[in-house]
Protein backbone atom coordinates (compact mmCIF):
# COMPACT_ATOMS: atom_id res chain seq x y z
CA UNK A 1 117.03 111.40 78.95
CA UNK A 2 115.79 109.76 82.00
CA UNK A 3 117.23 110.56 85.44
CA UNK A 4 120.37 108.32 85.25
CA UNK A 5 121.27 108.67 88.93
CA UNK A 6 117.98 106.93 89.72
CA UNK A 7 118.88 103.78 87.74
CA UNK A 8 122.13 103.04 89.63
CA UNK A 9 121.63 102.76 93.73
CA UNK A 10 123.63 101.99 96.99
CA UNK A 11 123.09 98.46 98.06
CA UNK A 12 121.50 98.60 101.52
CA UNK A 13 120.02 95.60 101.68
CA UNK A 14 116.42 96.65 99.88
CA UNK A 15 114.82 93.98 98.23
CA UNK A 16 115.86 93.19 94.87
CA UNK A 17 115.69 90.49 91.94
CA UNK A 18 119.06 88.53 92.27
CA UNK A 19 121.39 88.41 89.15
CA UNK A 20 123.71 85.53 88.79
CA UNK A 21 126.98 85.65 86.28
CA UNK A 22 128.10 82.81 84.66
CA UNK A 23 131.00 82.10 82.00
CA UNK A 24 131.25 78.80 79.73
CA UNK A 25 134.06 77.85 82.11
CA UNK A 26 132.29 77.67 85.11
CA UNK A 27 129.16 76.69 83.43
CA UNK A 28 128.91 72.96 84.38
CA UNK A 29 129.66 73.46 87.81
CA UNK A 30 126.99 76.33 88.11
CA UNK A 31 124.24 74.21 86.92
CA UNK A 32 125.07 71.22 88.46
CA UNK A 33 124.80 73.07 91.89
CA UNK A 34 121.37 74.39 91.00
CA UNK A 35 117.82 72.85 92.24
CA UNK A 36 116.21 70.74 89.78
CA UNK A 37 113.78 73.37 88.92
CA UNK A 38 116.21 76.06 88.28
CA UNK A 39 118.18 73.90 86.30
CA UNK A 40 115.34 72.80 83.96
CA UNK A 41 114.28 76.25 83.59
CA UNK A 42 117.94 77.25 82.12
CA UNK A 43 118.20 74.20 79.85
CA UNK A 44 114.54 74.58 78.52
CA UNK A 45 115.80 78.21 77.98
CA UNK A 46 119.02 76.60 76.05
CA UNK A 47 121.13 78.81 78.44
CA UNK A 48 124.69 77.62 78.15
CA UNK A 49 126.82 80.39 80.03
CA UNK A 50 127.52 82.25 76.59
CA UNK A 51 127.79 86.07 76.38
CA UNK A 52 124.92 88.14 76.81
CA UNK A 53 122.87 85.17 77.15
CA UNK A 54 119.84 85.71 80.07
CA UNK A 55 117.42 82.96 81.77
CA UNK A 56 115.11 83.15 83.95
CA UNK A 57 114.91 81.19 86.87
CA UNK A 58 112.34 80.13 89.08
CA UNK A 59 112.63 80.85 93.24
CA UNK A 60 112.42 77.97 95.82
CA UNK A 61 109.14 79.17 97.17
CA UNK A 62 108.13 82.24 95.47
CA UNK A 63 109.36 85.27 93.53
CA UNK A 64 112.21 84.63 90.75
CA UNK A 65 116.10 85.50 89.70
CA UNK A 66 118.13 85.66 86.49
CA UNK A 67 121.13 84.10 85.46
CA UNK A 68 123.53 86.05 82.45
CA UNK A 69 126.00 84.74 80.40
CA UNK A 70 129.15 86.85 80.42
CA UNK A 71 132.36 86.47 78.48
CA UNK A 72 134.63 86.25 81.89
CA UNK A 73 132.98 86.42 85.54
CA UNK A 74 136.43 87.51 86.70
CA UNK A 75 136.78 90.65 84.67
CA UNK A 76 133.57 92.46 83.88
CA UNK A 77 133.26 94.52 80.67
CA UNK A 78 131.58 97.65 80.87
CA UNK A 79 128.77 95.57 78.50
CA UNK A 80 128.30 92.56 80.24
CA UNK A 81 125.05 93.65 81.66
CA UNK A 82 123.73 96.07 79.20
CA UNK A 83 121.60 93.43 77.37
CA UNK A 84 119.96 92.47 80.89
CA UNK A 85 119.13 96.13 81.28
CA UNK A 86 117.71 96.09 77.75
CA UNK A 87 115.86 93.25 78.28
CA UNK A 88 114.63 92.52 82.08
CA UNK A 89 111.27 94.24 83.17
CA UNK A 90 111.03 97.11 85.11
CA UNK A 91 112.37 96.83 88.72
CA UNK A 92 115.07 96.65 91.21
CA UNK A 93 118.16 94.37 90.71
CA UNK A 94 121.43 92.91 92.58
CA UNK A 95 124.27 91.32 91.29
CA UNK A 96 125.06 88.33 93.36
CA UNK A 97 127.77 88.32 95.41
CA UNK A 98 130.06 90.81 93.76
CA UNK A 99 130.03 94.56 92.82
CA UNK A 100 128.70 95.11 89.07
CA UNK A 101 132.03 97.85 88.84
CA UNK A 102 132.54 98.84 85.10
CA UNK A 103 129.38 97.01 84.30
CA UNK A 104 127.37 99.78 86.01
CA UNK A 105 127.99 102.32 82.55
CA UNK A 106 126.35 99.19 80.09
CA UNK A 107 123.46 98.95 82.53
CA UNK A 108 122.94 102.84 81.85
CA UNK A 109 123.60 102.47 78.26
CA UNK A 110 121.41 99.74 77.58
CA UNK A 111 118.29 101.70 78.75
CA UNK A 112 118.72 104.55 76.02
CA UNK A 113 115.89 105.26 73.56
CA UNK A 114 115.42 107.75 71.11
CA UNK A 115 111.81 107.74 70.87
CA UNK A 116 110.87 111.32 70.67
CA UNK A 117 109.14 110.93 67.36
CA UNK A 118 107.01 107.63 67.89
CA UNK A 119 103.49 107.96 69.11
CA UNK A 120 103.59 104.82 70.55
CA UNK A 121 106.61 104.91 73.13
CA UNK A 122 108.14 102.02 75.09
CA UNK A 123 106.13 101.38 78.06
CA UNK A 124 108.62 99.43 79.86
CA UNK A 125 109.83 101.46 83.40
CA UNK A 126 113.21 102.02 84.47
CA UNK A 127 115.43 99.05 85.45
CA UNK A 128 117.19 100.02 88.56
CA UNK A 129 120.78 98.43 89.59
CA UNK A 130 121.85 98.19 93.34
CA UNK A 131 125.89 98.52 93.98
CA UNK A 132 127.95 98.20 97.07
CA UNK A 133 130.42 100.20 95.13
CA UNK A 134 128.63 103.79 95.29
CA UNK A 135 131.37 106.33 94.83
CA UNK A 136 131.46 104.74 91.13
CA UNK A 137 127.78 105.87 90.54
CA UNK A 138 128.56 109.25 89.69
CA UNK A 139 131.62 108.48 87.32
CA UNK A 140 129.14 106.08 85.46
CA UNK A 141 126.40 108.53 85.38
CA UNK A 142 128.41 111.47 84.27
CA UNK A 143 129.78 109.17 81.58
CA UNK A 144 126.62 108.00 80.30
CA UNK A 145 125.11 111.29 80.26
CA UNK A 146 127.76 112.40 77.94
CA UNK A 147 126.97 109.32 75.38
CA UNK A 148 123.70 109.97 75.75
CA UNK A 149 124.15 113.81 74.29
CA UNK A 150 125.93 112.46 71.45
CA UNK A 151 123.26 110.01 70.67
CA UNK A 152 120.42 112.11 70.87
CA UNK A 153 122.21 115.18 68.83
CA UNK A 154 123.33 112.31 65.96
CA UNK A 155 119.93 110.53 65.99
CA UNK A 156 118.11 114.22 65.40
CA UNK A 157 116.99 114.65 61.62
CA UNK A 158 118.79 117.52 59.96
CA UNK A 159 115.54 119.19 59.05
CA UNK A 160 115.43 119.46 63.15
CA UNK A 161 119.13 120.01 63.78
CA UNK A 162 120.64 122.61 62.08
CA UNK A 163 123.60 125.19 62.71
CA UNK A 164 121.30 127.01 64.88
CA UNK A 165 120.30 124.40 67.05
CA UNK A 166 123.41 122.89 67.55
CA UNK A 167 124.57 126.24 69.10
CA UNK A 168 121.20 125.80 71.06
CA UNK A 169 122.71 122.38 72.48
CA UNK A 170 126.26 124.14 73.41
CA UNK A 171 124.30 126.96 75.00
CA UNK A 172 122.34 124.59 77.04
CA UNK A 173 125.43 122.69 78.20
CA UNK A 174 127.52 126.29 78.44
CA UNK A 175 124.90 127.41 81.09
CA UNK A 176 124.86 124.21 83.20
CA UNK A 177 128.24 124.83 83.93
CA UNK A 178 128.75 128.61 83.74
CA UNK A 179 130.71 128.77 80.88
CA UNK A 180 131.19 131.63 78.32
CA UNK A 181 129.97 131.30 74.88
CA UNK A 182 130.43 133.38 71.75
CA UNK A 183 129.27 132.84 68.19
CA UNK A 184 130.47 134.37 65.07
CA UNK A 185 128.18 134.94 62.02
CA UNK A 186 127.45 137.24 59.05
CA UNK A 187 129.99 139.49 57.92
CA UNK A 188 132.24 138.76 60.95
CA UNK A 189 132.41 135.34 59.68
CA UNK A 190 132.97 136.07 56.47
CA UNK A 191 136.34 137.86 57.34
CA UNK A 192 137.39 135.92 60.17
CA UNK A 193 136.15 132.25 59.41
CA UNK A 194 136.27 132.60 55.21
CA UNK A 195 136.26 128.88 55.02
CA UNK A 196 133.54 127.96 57.41
CA UNK A 197 131.41 130.69 55.36
CA UNK A 198 132.12 129.54 51.99
CA UNK A 199 130.97 125.83 52.82
CA UNK A 200 128.10 127.04 54.25
CA UNK A 201 126.77 129.92 52.46
CA UNK A 202 124.71 128.40 50.13
CA UNK A 203 122.25 127.00 52.90
CA UNK A 204 118.74 128.57 53.74
CA UNK A 205 119.42 131.97 55.74
CA UNK A 206 117.96 130.37 58.85
CA UNK A 207 120.75 127.63 58.69
CA UNK A 208 123.31 130.25 58.15
CA UNK A 209 126.82 129.13 58.93
CA UNK A 210 128.47 130.27 62.07
CA UNK A 211 131.42 129.54 64.35
CA UNK A 212 130.70 128.59 68.00
CA UNK A 213 133.05 128.70 71.07
CA UNK A 214 132.84 127.86 74.73
CA UNK A 215 135.48 129.14 77.28
CA UNK A 216 135.60 127.38 80.90
CA UNK A 217 138.58 127.27 83.21
CA UNK A 218 140.71 129.25 85.57
CA UNK A 219 143.31 131.46 83.72
CA UNK A 220 146.06 130.01 85.67
CA UNK A 221 145.48 126.30 84.45
CA UNK A 222 146.91 124.71 81.57
CA UNK A 223 144.94 125.31 78.07
CA UNK A 224 143.50 122.86 76.12
CA UNK A 225 141.30 123.02 72.80
CA UNK A 226 138.42 120.79 71.40
CA UNK A 227 137.34 120.98 68.19
CA UNK A 228 134.36 119.03 66.46
CA UNK A 229 133.13 119.07 62.99
CA UNK A 230 129.53 120.49 62.86
CA UNK A 231 128.39 119.89 59.37
CA UNK A 232 124.48 119.41 60.09
CA UNK A 233 123.57 117.92 56.84
CA UNK A 234 126.14 117.05 53.84
CA UNK A 235 124.69 117.06 50.13
CA UNK A 236 128.11 116.76 49.05
CA UNK A 237 127.63 120.22 47.70
CA UNK A 238 127.99 120.73 43.66
CA UNK A 239 129.89 117.46 44.03
CA UNK A 240 126.74 116.15 45.48
CA UNK A 241 126.28 112.55 47.00
CA UNK A 242 123.97 109.82 45.57
CA UNK A 243 120.90 109.36 47.45
CA UNK A 244 122.42 106.42 49.32
CA UNK A 245 125.43 108.12 50.64
CA UNK A 246 123.21 111.18 51.63
CA UNK A 247 120.59 109.20 53.60
CA UNK A 248 122.99 109.50 57.01
CA UNK A 249 124.48 112.53 56.39
CA UNK A 250 122.44 114.22 59.56
CA UNK A 251 125.50 112.42 61.43
CA UNK A 252 128.21 114.67 59.85
CA UNK A 253 127.85 116.79 62.94
CA UNK A 254 128.75 113.71 65.10
CA UNK A 255 132.40 115.25 65.59
CA UNK A 256 131.23 118.39 66.94
CA UNK A 257 128.77 115.86 69.43
CA UNK A 258 131.90 114.20 70.62
CA UNK A 259 133.76 117.37 71.30
CA UNK A 260 130.66 118.98 73.19
CA UNK A 261 130.08 115.95 75.22
CA UNK A 262 133.90 115.55 76.20
CA UNK A 263 134.10 119.49 77.10
CA UNK A 264 130.59 118.57 79.30
CA UNK A 265 132.88 115.81 81.26
CA UNK A 266 135.52 118.25 81.37
CA UNK A 267 133.32 120.62 83.28
CA UNK A 268 131.40 118.59 85.12
CA UNK A 269 134.70 116.62 86.77
CA UNK A 270 135.85 120.23 87.32
CA UNK A 271 139.12 119.38 85.95
CA UNK A 272 142.19 121.96 86.42
CA UNK A 273 142.27 123.27 82.90
CA UNK A 274 141.05 126.43 80.73
CA UNK A 275 138.70 124.86 78.32
CA UNK A 276 138.25 126.13 74.64
CA UNK A 277 135.75 124.40 72.75
CA UNK A 278 135.28 125.38 69.13
CA UNK A 279 132.73 123.90 66.54
CA UNK A 280 132.12 125.39 62.79
CA UNK A 281 128.55 124.87 62.50
CA UNK A 282 127.45 124.61 58.51
CA UNK A 283 125.26 122.87 56.26
CA UNK A 284 126.65 121.76 53.10
CA UNK A 285 123.71 122.52 50.93
CA UNK A 286 123.21 123.42 47.09
CA UNK A 287 122.14 126.43 45.62
CA UNK A 288 123.54 129.34 43.09
CA UNK A 289 125.58 130.26 46.19
CA UNK A 290 127.62 127.04 46.49
CA UNK A 291 131.50 127.02 46.55
CA UNK A 292 132.60 125.23 43.30
CA UNK A 293 135.19 122.89 42.02
CA UNK A 294 138.07 124.95 41.02
CA UNK A 295 137.33 127.83 43.80
CA UNK A 296 140.34 128.79 45.60
CA UNK A 297 139.52 129.62 49.07
CA UNK A 298 141.49 131.45 51.59
CA UNK A 299 141.74 130.10 55.27
CA UNK A 300 141.97 131.83 58.35
CA UNK A 301 145.73 131.02 58.21
CA UNK A 302 146.14 132.86 55.07
CA UNK A 303 147.13 129.68 53.37
CA UNK A 304 145.02 129.43 50.05
CA UNK A 305 143.27 126.16 49.27
CA UNK A 306 142.00 124.93 45.77
CA UNK A 307 138.78 123.05 45.88
CA UNK A 308 138.87 119.74 44.37
CA UNK A 309 135.90 118.49 45.83
CA UNK A 310 133.04 119.87 47.58
CA UNK A 311 132.47 116.98 49.23
CA UNK A 312 135.55 117.29 51.16
CA UNK A 313 134.19 120.32 52.93
CA UNK A 314 134.78 119.24 56.70
CA UNK A 315 138.67 119.42 56.61
CA UNK A 316 137.61 123.05 55.54
CA UNK A 317 135.85 124.27 58.46
CA UNK A 318 137.92 122.12 61.04
CA UNK A 319 141.25 124.10 59.66
CA UNK A 320 139.77 127.27 60.31
CA UNK A 321 138.49 126.53 63.79
CA UNK A 322 141.82 124.39 64.28
CA UNK A 323 143.54 127.70 63.36
CA UNK A 324 141.41 129.42 66.20
CA UNK A 325 142.24 127.17 68.58
CA UNK A 326 146.07 127.54 67.79
CA UNK A 327 145.92 131.02 68.67
CA UNK A 328 145.30 130.94 71.87
CA UNK A 329 148.36 128.84 72.25
CA UNK A 330 147.10 125.75 74.03
CA UNK A 331 149.16 122.74 75.42
CA UNK A 332 146.93 120.15 73.80
CA UNK A 333 144.23 120.08 70.83
CA UNK A 334 141.79 117.31 70.24
CA UNK A 335 139.63 117.17 67.33
CA UNK A 336 136.86 114.74 66.16
CA UNK A 337 135.01 114.56 62.82
CA UNK A 338 133.11 112.13 61.04
CA UNK A 339 135.88 113.15 58.11
CA UNK A 340 136.56 110.04 55.80
CA UNK A 341 134.65 107.41 54.14
CA UNK A 342 138.59 106.29 53.63
CA UNK A 343 138.69 105.15 57.44
CA UNK A 344 135.69 103.33 57.62
CA UNK A 345 136.80 101.23 55.01
CA UNK A 346 140.04 100.48 56.68
CA UNK A 347 138.97 99.95 59.91
CA UNK A 348 135.29 99.32 59.85
CA UNK A 349 132.68 100.77 62.03
CA UNK A 350 133.49 99.97 65.41
CA UNK A 351 137.11 101.58 65.29
CA UNK A 352 138.14 105.51 64.84
CA UNK A 353 141.29 106.10 63.09
CA UNK A 354 143.71 108.10 65.37
CA UNK A 355 146.24 110.17 64.35
CA UNK A 356 148.45 112.17 66.32
CA UNK A 357 151.81 114.19 66.25
CA UNK A 358 153.42 112.96 68.93
CA UNK A 359 153.83 109.12 69.85
CA UNK A 360 153.38 109.57 73.64
CA UNK A 361 149.86 111.51 73.14
CA UNK A 362 148.78 108.40 70.65
CA UNK A 363 150.12 105.70 72.90
CA UNK A 364 148.14 107.20 75.64
CA UNK A 365 144.86 107.35 73.87
CA UNK A 366 145.67 103.89 72.42
CA UNK A 367 146.28 102.48 76.20
CA UNK A 368 143.26 104.48 77.41
CA UNK A 369 141.01 103.23 74.75
CA UNK A 370 141.75 99.55 75.76
CA UNK A 371 141.33 100.23 79.45
CA UNK A 372 137.70 101.44 79.17
CA UNK A 373 136.72 99.40 76.44
CA UNK A 374 136.49 102.21 73.84
CA UNK A 375 139.28 101.14 71.25
CA UNK A 376 140.92 103.06 68.83
CA UNK A 377 143.38 102.53 66.20
CA UNK A 378 146.36 104.58 64.98
CA UNK A 379 146.77 105.65 61.63
CA UNK A 380 150.26 107.29 59.99
CA UNK A 381 150.62 111.00 59.15
CA UNK A 382 152.77 109.77 56.57
CA UNK A 383 154.76 112.81 55.21
CA UNK A 384 155.87 111.34 51.93
CA UNK A 385 151.88 111.75 51.01
CA UNK A 386 151.94 115.66 51.37
CA UNK A 387 152.69 115.93 47.87
CA UNK A 388 149.02 114.55 46.90
CA UNK A 389 147.74 117.92 48.33
CA UNK A 390 149.83 119.92 46.15
CA UNK A 391 148.06 122.77 43.89
CA UNK A 392 149.22 124.17 40.36
CA UNK A 393 147.19 127.41 41.43
CA UNK A 394 147.06 127.95 45.41
CA UNK A 395 149.20 126.75 48.66
CA UNK A 396 147.49 123.33 48.72
CA UNK A 397 144.50 121.37 47.21
CA UNK A 398 141.54 119.99 49.62
CA UNK A 399 141.51 116.56 48.37
CA UNK A 400 144.36 114.37 46.51
CA UNK A 401 143.69 113.47 42.87
CA UNK A 402 144.91 109.80 43.49
CA UNK A 403 141.87 107.54 45.07
CA UNK A 404 144.52 106.02 47.59
CA UNK A 405 145.13 106.97 51.55
CA UNK A 406 142.26 109.13 51.80
CA UNK A 407 141.94 109.55 55.58
CA UNK A 408 145.86 109.99 55.72
CA UNK A 409 145.46 112.61 53.08
CA UNK A 410 143.03 114.30 55.00
CA UNK A 411 144.70 114.10 58.36
CA UNK A 412 147.63 115.62 56.72
CA UNK A 413 145.66 118.61 55.38
CA UNK A 414 144.53 119.46 58.96
CA UNK A 415 148.27 119.27 60.28
CA UNK A 416 148.78 121.84 58.11
CA UNK A 417 146.75 124.31 60.28
CA UNK A 418 148.53 122.65 63.82
CA UNK A 419 151.41 124.72 65.04
CA UNK A 420 154.49 122.38 65.33
CA UNK A 421 155.41 121.66 69.12
CA UNK A 422 151.67 121.70 70.00
CA UNK A 423 150.30 118.07 71.31
CA UNK A 424 147.54 117.39 68.75
CA UNK A 425 145.20 114.17 67.96
CA UNK A 426 142.86 113.83 65.47
CA UNK A 427 139.76 111.22 65.64
CA UNK A 428 138.07 110.09 62.22
CA UNK A 429 135.01 108.72 63.76
CA UNK A 430 131.81 107.15 62.16
CA UNK A 431 129.60 108.59 65.15
CA UNK A 432 126.83 105.67 64.24
CA UNK A 433 126.09 101.76 64.52
CA UNK A 434 124.87 100.45 61.69
CA UNK A 435 123.97 97.13 63.77
CA UNK A 436 122.80 96.94 67.43
CA UNK A 437 124.69 95.75 70.23
CA UNK A 438 123.93 94.99 73.71
CA UNK A 439 124.35 98.67 75.27
CA UNK A 440 124.71 100.29 71.81
CA UNK A 441 121.53 100.68 69.97
CA UNK A 442 121.40 101.10 66.21
CA UNK A 443 121.68 104.79 65.38
CA UNK A 444 124.15 107.54 66.66
CA UNK A 445 126.78 106.34 69.25
CA UNK A 446 129.72 107.54 70.84
CA UNK A 447 132.99 105.91 69.35
CA UNK A 448 136.25 107.31 70.90
CA UNK A 449 134.88 109.92 73.25
CA UNK A 450 135.35 107.99 76.51
CA UNK A 451 138.96 106.83 75.35
CA UNK A 452 139.68 110.58 75.11
CA UNK A 453 138.18 111.20 78.31
CA UNK A 454 140.21 109.05 80.12
CA UNK A 455 143.27 110.27 78.75
CA UNK A 456 142.37 114.01 79.58
CA UNK A 457 141.33 112.85 83.11
CA UNK A 458 144.72 111.18 83.79
CA UNK A 459 146.57 114.17 81.99
CA UNK A 460 145.03 116.53 84.41
CA UNK A 461 144.14 115.06 87.38
CA UNK A 462 141.85 116.93 89.93
């Protein structure tokens, strides 16, 4: 990861290439005011002031500048400079006549590359943006750093990122902030987190299951818990996925990546909380040791769960993790998981499904998502569908037999392991982009992270 702080610098009047911002409503006036050479250059490049358009303009005597199309020059989004950060050559740049404001984040995210497996790496050097609002640089750098963390972890091939490597990533974050970390494996996992152990027991010994915990903060502060699904690869188990469904399953630990990145932001900002991060890390593999459809598993909470489908394993490991988090009596639990295809069918790739057991918590998260251009969409915890999780021989089943409301029944399953009276929200996120957008390349991505961070920092201000 590059040193992101080097990509945003205070504007002290140093030499820089100017960037002009234009939208459709002011394009005609802007064009009419340009010198002939600049006007002809803009027209030759087909520049009309549309969002993410870019045109290079010649200087009066020497040098050059660029003009960027944005959606609204009066209200910049985080993404309006991202395409420029991707496309412009190495150098230093200044937005003419204004602060880049929230667009600093897109400037940083537009320079993300995952190239560790490429022999020929992109030769382009850093693009530095000057700002007259240096107080906002640290915030943009911290958020971008956590987004980079999510992207790097999700993009990593499963052969190089299993449960042990996910543990190492958590240990690195813990070491940076002096947090305490503990990992439960082996017989202690079997007895303490039986569903985590069952889901991961078919994997090779070196990829064995584990429960990773990170704790940080002052004992006097309110406790919050962040829980992330860490399925480092999901074959589907004995209910094996088809090859097309298995292709992207390296990203099935995206929930853990989100939770770890959010924990990093909390600690980086030194928020007045007692933080408890819980990541159940497994590989859902196929072998003679694999758990089976029809098996009944005992959960950490004591509830018995009949397995209707071994490909619905994420909710099993999250159930044990949520139970542990609840035992410490936090006032807030947030969990993140790439949990259901049903959420993607309902909402598509860009909108994480949000489930919350308090209307006020849901409203805050939705408002924060809108404010930071990281949208969420609330889905219902519809109690009448609880019956879909009934079992003839156990306390509940892990799936519904009806091919409907899959995201809702998955969330209702998780809710069984959250105590009444504890504020809880569940993010069913994709953690992936199938098509590139400015500042958001194809591959792993943080979806819902910034919304959750904004809500937490508002709830627990320094």
